[in-house]
């Protein structure tokens, strides 16, 4: 996903693009979503946001606003179902 910051609203990033088929897209992230926290932590700027999103964890909770409503969405990075071999 790609994002931008708005200097008028520090401590938040706005999603600009979510790659189709990515973990973020599968969990219903969309362009225009605003992210306020990563892993329960506030961030001051874009560099801090990028640092917080780099994780070896299988999941990462994000505080997201869409249409004026806040919700916590947990981004899952790894396949939760076993892979199946094609015939």
N, C-alpha and C. Protein backbone atom coordinates (compact mmCIF):
# COMPACT_ATOMS: atom_id res chain seq x y z
N UNK A 1 0.83 -1.17 0.00
CA UNK A 1 0.00 0.00 0.00
C UNK A 1 0.88 1.24 0.00
N UNK A 2 0.36 2.31 -0.53
CA UNK A 2 1.07 3.58 -0.50
C UNK A 2 0.23 4.58 0.28
N UNK A 3 0.91 5.56 0.84
CA UNK A 3 0.21 6.54 1.66
C UNK A 3 0.82 7.91 1.48
N UNK A 4 0.13 8.89 2.04
CA UNK A 4 0.65 10.25 2.08
C UNK A 4 0.34 10.82 3.45
N UNK A 5 1.05 11.88 3.78
CA UNK A 5 0.78 12.59 5.03
C UNK A 5 0.15 13.92 4.69
N UNK A 6 -0.55 14.48 5.66
CA UNK A 6 -1.16 15.79 5.51
C UNK A 6 -0.62 16.64 6.65
N UNK A 7 0.18 17.65 6.34
CA UNK A 7 0.81 18.46 7.38
C UNK A 7 -0.22 19.15 8.27
N UNK A 8 -1.43 19.33 7.79
CA UNK A 8 -2.48 19.93 8.60
C UNK A 8 -3.01 18.95 9.66
N UNK A 9 -2.74 17.65 9.48
CA UNK A 9 -3.19 16.62 10.42
C UNK A 9 -2.03 15.70 10.77
N UNK A 10 -1.11 16.15 11.63
CA UNK A 10 0.02 15.30 11.99
C UNK A 10 -0.43 14.07 12.79
N UNK A 11 0.40 13.03 12.78
CA UNK A 11 0.09 11.82 13.53
C UNK A 11 -0.90 10.92 12.84
N UNK A 12 -0.95 11.00 11.51
CA UNK A 12 -1.90 10.20 10.75
C UNK A 12 -1.40 10.08 9.31
N UNK A 13 -1.65 8.95 8.69
CA UNK A 13 -1.37 8.81 7.26
C UNK A 13 -2.66 8.46 6.54
N UNK A 14 -2.74 8.83 5.28
CA UNK A 14 -3.90 8.55 4.45
C UNK A 14 -3.48 7.55 3.38
N UNK A 15 -4.18 6.42 3.30
CA UNK A 15 -3.86 5.43 2.27
C UNK A 15 -4.25 5.98 0.90
N UNK A 16 -3.32 5.86 -0.04
CA UNK A 16 -3.57 6.33 -1.40
C UNK A 16 -3.86 5.18 -2.36
N UNK A 17 -3.23 4.03 -2.11
CA UNK A 17 -3.40 2.88 -3.01
C UNK A 17 -3.18 1.60 -2.20
N UNK A 18 -4.02 0.62 -2.43
CA UNK A 18 -3.88 -0.69 -1.81
C UNK A 18 -3.79 -1.71 -2.95
N UNK A 19 -2.72 -2.48 -2.98
CA UNK A 19 -2.48 -3.43 -4.06
C UNK A 19 -3.51 -4.55 -4.01
N UNK A 20 -4.19 -4.77 -5.12
CA UNK A 20 -5.19 -5.83 -5.22
C UNK A 20 -4.55 -7.18 -4.89
N UNK A 21 -5.21 -7.96 -4.04
CA UNK A 21 -4.72 -9.28 -3.67
C UNK A 21 -3.73 -9.27 -2.51
N UNK A 22 -3.31 -8.11 -2.05
CA UNK A 22 -2.35 -8.02 -0.95
C UNK A 22 -3.06 -8.31 0.37
N UNK A 23 -2.28 -8.60 1.46
CA UNK A 23 -2.93 -8.79 2.76
C UNK A 23 -3.82 -7.61 3.15
N UNK A 24 -3.39 -6.40 2.85
CA UNK A 24 -4.20 -5.21 3.19
C UNK A 24 -5.51 -5.21 2.42
N UNK A 25 -5.48 -5.53 1.14
CA UNK A 25 -6.70 -5.54 0.33
C UNK A 25 -7.65 -6.64 0.79
N UNK A 26 -7.10 -7.80 1.13
CA UNK A 26 -7.95 -8.91 1.59
C UNK A 26 -8.66 -8.56 2.89
N UNK A 27 -8.09 -7.64 3.65
CA UNK A 27 -8.70 -7.25 4.92
C UNK A 27 -9.44 -5.92 4.81
N UNK A 28 -9.82 -5.58 3.61
CA UNK A 28 -10.71 -4.48 3.30
C UNK A 28 -10.14 -3.10 3.61
N UNK A 29 -8.84 -2.92 3.47
CA UNK A 29 -8.29 -1.58 3.50
C UNK A 29 -8.57 -0.96 2.14
N UNK A 30 -8.76 0.35 2.11
CA UNK A 30 -9.08 1.03 0.86
C UNK A 30 -8.43 2.40 0.82
N UNK A 31 -8.25 2.89 -0.39
CA UNK A 31 -7.73 4.25 -0.56
C UNK A 31 -8.65 5.21 0.18
N UNK A 32 -8.05 6.16 0.87
CA UNK A 32 -8.80 7.13 1.65
C UNK A 32 -8.88 6.79 3.13
N UNK A 33 -8.61 5.54 3.49
CA UNK A 33 -8.57 5.18 4.91
C UNK A 33 -7.47 5.99 5.60
N UNK A 34 -7.72 6.39 6.84
CA UNK A 34 -6.73 7.12 7.64
C UNK A 34 -6.26 6.22 8.76
N UNK A 35 -4.95 6.11 8.93
CA UNK A 35 -4.38 5.27 9.98
C UNK A 35 -3.81 6.18 11.06
N UNK A 36 -4.23 5.94 12.32
CA UNK A 36 -3.82 6.77 13.46
C UNK A 36 -2.86 6.07 14.42
N UNK A 37 -2.91 4.74 14.49
CA UNK A 37 -2.02 4.00 15.38
C UNK A 37 -1.57 2.72 14.70
N UNK A 38 -0.37 2.30 15.05
CA UNK A 38 0.19 1.04 14.56
C UNK A 38 0.62 0.24 15.78
N UNK A 39 0.04 -0.95 15.94
CA UNK A 39 0.40 -1.79 17.08
C UNK A 39 0.13 -1.14 18.42
N UNK A 40 -0.90 -0.28 18.47
CA UNK A 40 -1.25 0.39 19.71
C UNK A 40 -0.41 1.62 20.00
N UNK A 41 0.45 2.02 19.06
CA UNK A 41 1.35 3.16 19.26
C UNK A 41 0.98 4.31 18.32
N UNK A 42 0.95 5.51 18.88
CA UNK A 42 0.82 6.71 18.06
C UNK A 42 2.14 6.94 17.34
N UNK A 43 2.11 7.70 16.26
CA UNK A 43 3.33 8.06 15.56
C UNK A 43 3.26 9.54 15.21
N UNK A 44 4.43 10.17 15.16
CA UNK A 44 4.48 11.62 14.96
C UNK A 44 4.60 12.01 13.50
N UNK A 45 5.19 11.13 12.70
CA UNK A 45 5.45 11.49 11.31
C UNK A 45 5.54 10.24 10.44
N UNK A 46 5.76 10.46 9.16
CA UNK A 46 5.80 9.36 8.19
C UNK A 46 6.92 8.37 8.49
N UNK A 47 8.08 8.87 8.92
CA UNK A 47 9.21 7.99 9.23
C UNK A 47 8.87 7.06 10.40
N UNK A 48 8.22 7.61 11.42
CA UNK A 48 7.83 6.79 12.56
C UNK A 48 6.77 5.76 12.16
N UNK A 49 5.83 6.15 11.29
CA UNK A 49 4.82 5.21 10.79
C UNK A 49 5.51 4.05 10.06
N UNK A 50 6.44 4.37 9.17
CA UNK A 50 7.15 3.33 8.41
C UNK A 50 7.92 2.41 9.34
N UNK A 51 8.55 2.96 10.37
CA UNK A 51 9.30 2.14 11.34
C UNK A 51 8.37 1.18 12.08
N UNK A 52 7.23 1.68 12.50
CA UNK A 52 6.29 0.83 13.25
C UNK A 52 5.69 -0.28 12.40
N UNK A 53 5.58 -0.07 11.10
CA UNK A 53 4.98 -1.10 10.25
C UNK A 53 5.95 -2.21 9.88
N UNK A 54 7.24 -1.99 10.09
CA UNK A 54 8.22 -3.05 9.82
C UNK A 54 8.23 -4.00 11.01
N UNK A 55 7.73 -5.19 10.79
CA UNK A 55 7.59 -6.15 11.87
C UNK A 55 7.80 -7.57 11.36
N UNK A 56 8.25 -8.43 12.25
CA UNK A 56 8.36 -9.85 11.93
C UNK A 56 7.14 -10.61 12.44
N UNK A 57 6.23 -9.89 13.03
CA UNK A 57 5.02 -10.49 13.59
C UNK A 57 4.11 -10.99 12.46
N UNK A 58 3.24 -11.91 12.81
CA UNK A 58 2.26 -12.41 11.84
C UNK A 58 1.08 -11.48 11.69
N UNK A 59 0.92 -10.55 12.62
CA UNK A 59 -0.22 -9.64 12.56
C UNK A 59 0.18 -8.28 13.14
N UNK A 60 -0.59 -7.26 12.74
CA UNK A 60 -0.31 -5.91 13.19
C UNK A 60 -1.62 -5.15 13.30
N UNK A 61 -2.05 -4.79 14.53
CA UNK A 61 -3.29 -4.03 14.67
C UNK A 61 -3.09 -2.56 14.28
N UNK A 62 -4.02 -2.04 13.53
CA UNK A 62 -3.99 -0.65 13.08
C UNK A 62 -5.30 0.03 13.47
N UNK A 63 -5.20 1.26 13.99
CA UNK A 63 -6.39 2.05 14.27
C UNK A 63 -6.70 2.85 13.02
N UNK A 64 -7.85 2.55 12.39
CA UNK A 64 -8.19 3.07 11.07
C UNK A 64 -9.51 3.84 11.14
N UNK A 65 -9.56 4.95 10.41
CA UNK A 65 -10.80 5.72 10.28
C UNK A 65 -11.28 5.63 8.84
N UNK A 66 -12.56 5.34 8.69
CA UNK A 66 -13.21 5.38 7.38
C UNK A 66 -14.60 5.96 7.58
N UNK A 67 -14.94 6.93 6.79
CA UNK A 67 -16.26 7.57 6.86
C UNK A 67 -16.58 8.05 8.28
N UNK A 68 -15.56 8.59 8.97
CA UNK A 68 -15.77 9.14 10.30
C UNK A 68 -15.85 8.14 11.43
N UNK A 69 -15.66 6.86 11.13
CA UNK A 69 -15.74 5.82 12.16
C UNK A 69 -14.37 5.20 12.39
N UNK A 70 -13.98 5.11 13.66
CA UNK A 70 -12.72 4.47 14.03
C UNK A 70 -12.94 3.00 14.30
N UNK A 71 -11.99 2.18 13.87
CA UNK A 71 -12.04 0.75 14.16
C UNK A 71 -10.62 0.23 14.18
N UNK A 72 -10.40 -0.84 14.91
CA UNK A 72 -9.09 -1.49 14.91
C UNK A 72 -9.17 -2.67 13.96
N UNK A 73 -8.25 -2.67 13.01
CA UNK A 73 -8.17 -3.75 12.03
C UNK A 73 -6.81 -4.42 12.19
N UNK A 74 -6.81 -5.73 12.32
CA UNK A 74 -5.56 -6.46 12.46
C UNK A 74 -5.13 -6.98 11.10
N UNK A 75 -4.01 -6.48 10.65
CA UNK A 75 -3.45 -6.88 9.36
C UNK A 75 -2.71 -8.19 9.55
N UNK A 76 -3.15 -9.24 8.86
CA UNK A 76 -2.52 -10.56 8.93
C UNK A 76 -1.54 -10.69 7.78
N UNK A 77 -0.30 -11.07 8.08
CA UNK A 77 0.73 -11.16 7.07
C UNK A 77 0.94 -12.56 6.52
N UNK A 78 0.61 -13.56 7.28
CA UNK A 78 0.89 -14.93 6.85
C UNK A 78 -0.41 -15.68 6.61
N UNK A 79 -0.32 -16.66 5.74
CA UNK A 79 -1.47 -17.51 5.42
C UNK A 79 -1.92 -18.23 6.67
N UNK A 80 -3.21 -18.15 6.99
CA UNK A 80 -3.72 -18.82 8.18
C UNK A 80 -4.24 -20.22 7.85
N UNK A 81 -4.50 -20.50 6.59
CA UNK A 81 -4.94 -21.84 6.19
C UNK A 81 -3.77 -22.54 5.52
N UNK A 82 -3.69 -23.86 5.68
CA UNK A 82 -2.60 -24.57 5.02
C UNK A 82 -2.70 -24.43 3.49
N UNK A 83 -1.57 -24.31 2.86
CA UNK A 83 -1.55 -24.23 1.39
C UNK A 83 -1.93 -25.57 0.80
N UNK A 84 -2.63 -25.55 -0.32
CA UNK A 84 -3.02 -26.78 -0.99
C UNK A 84 -2.30 -26.87 -2.32
N UNK A 85 -1.81 -28.04 -2.61
CA UNK A 85 -1.11 -28.26 -3.86
C UNK A 85 -2.11 -28.42 -5.00
N UNK A 86 -1.82 -27.75 -6.11
CA UNK A 86 -2.69 -27.88 -7.27
C UNK A 86 -2.51 -29.26 -7.88
N UNK A 87 -3.60 -29.81 -8.42
CA UNK A 87 -3.55 -31.15 -9.03
C UNK A 87 -2.87 -31.12 -10.36
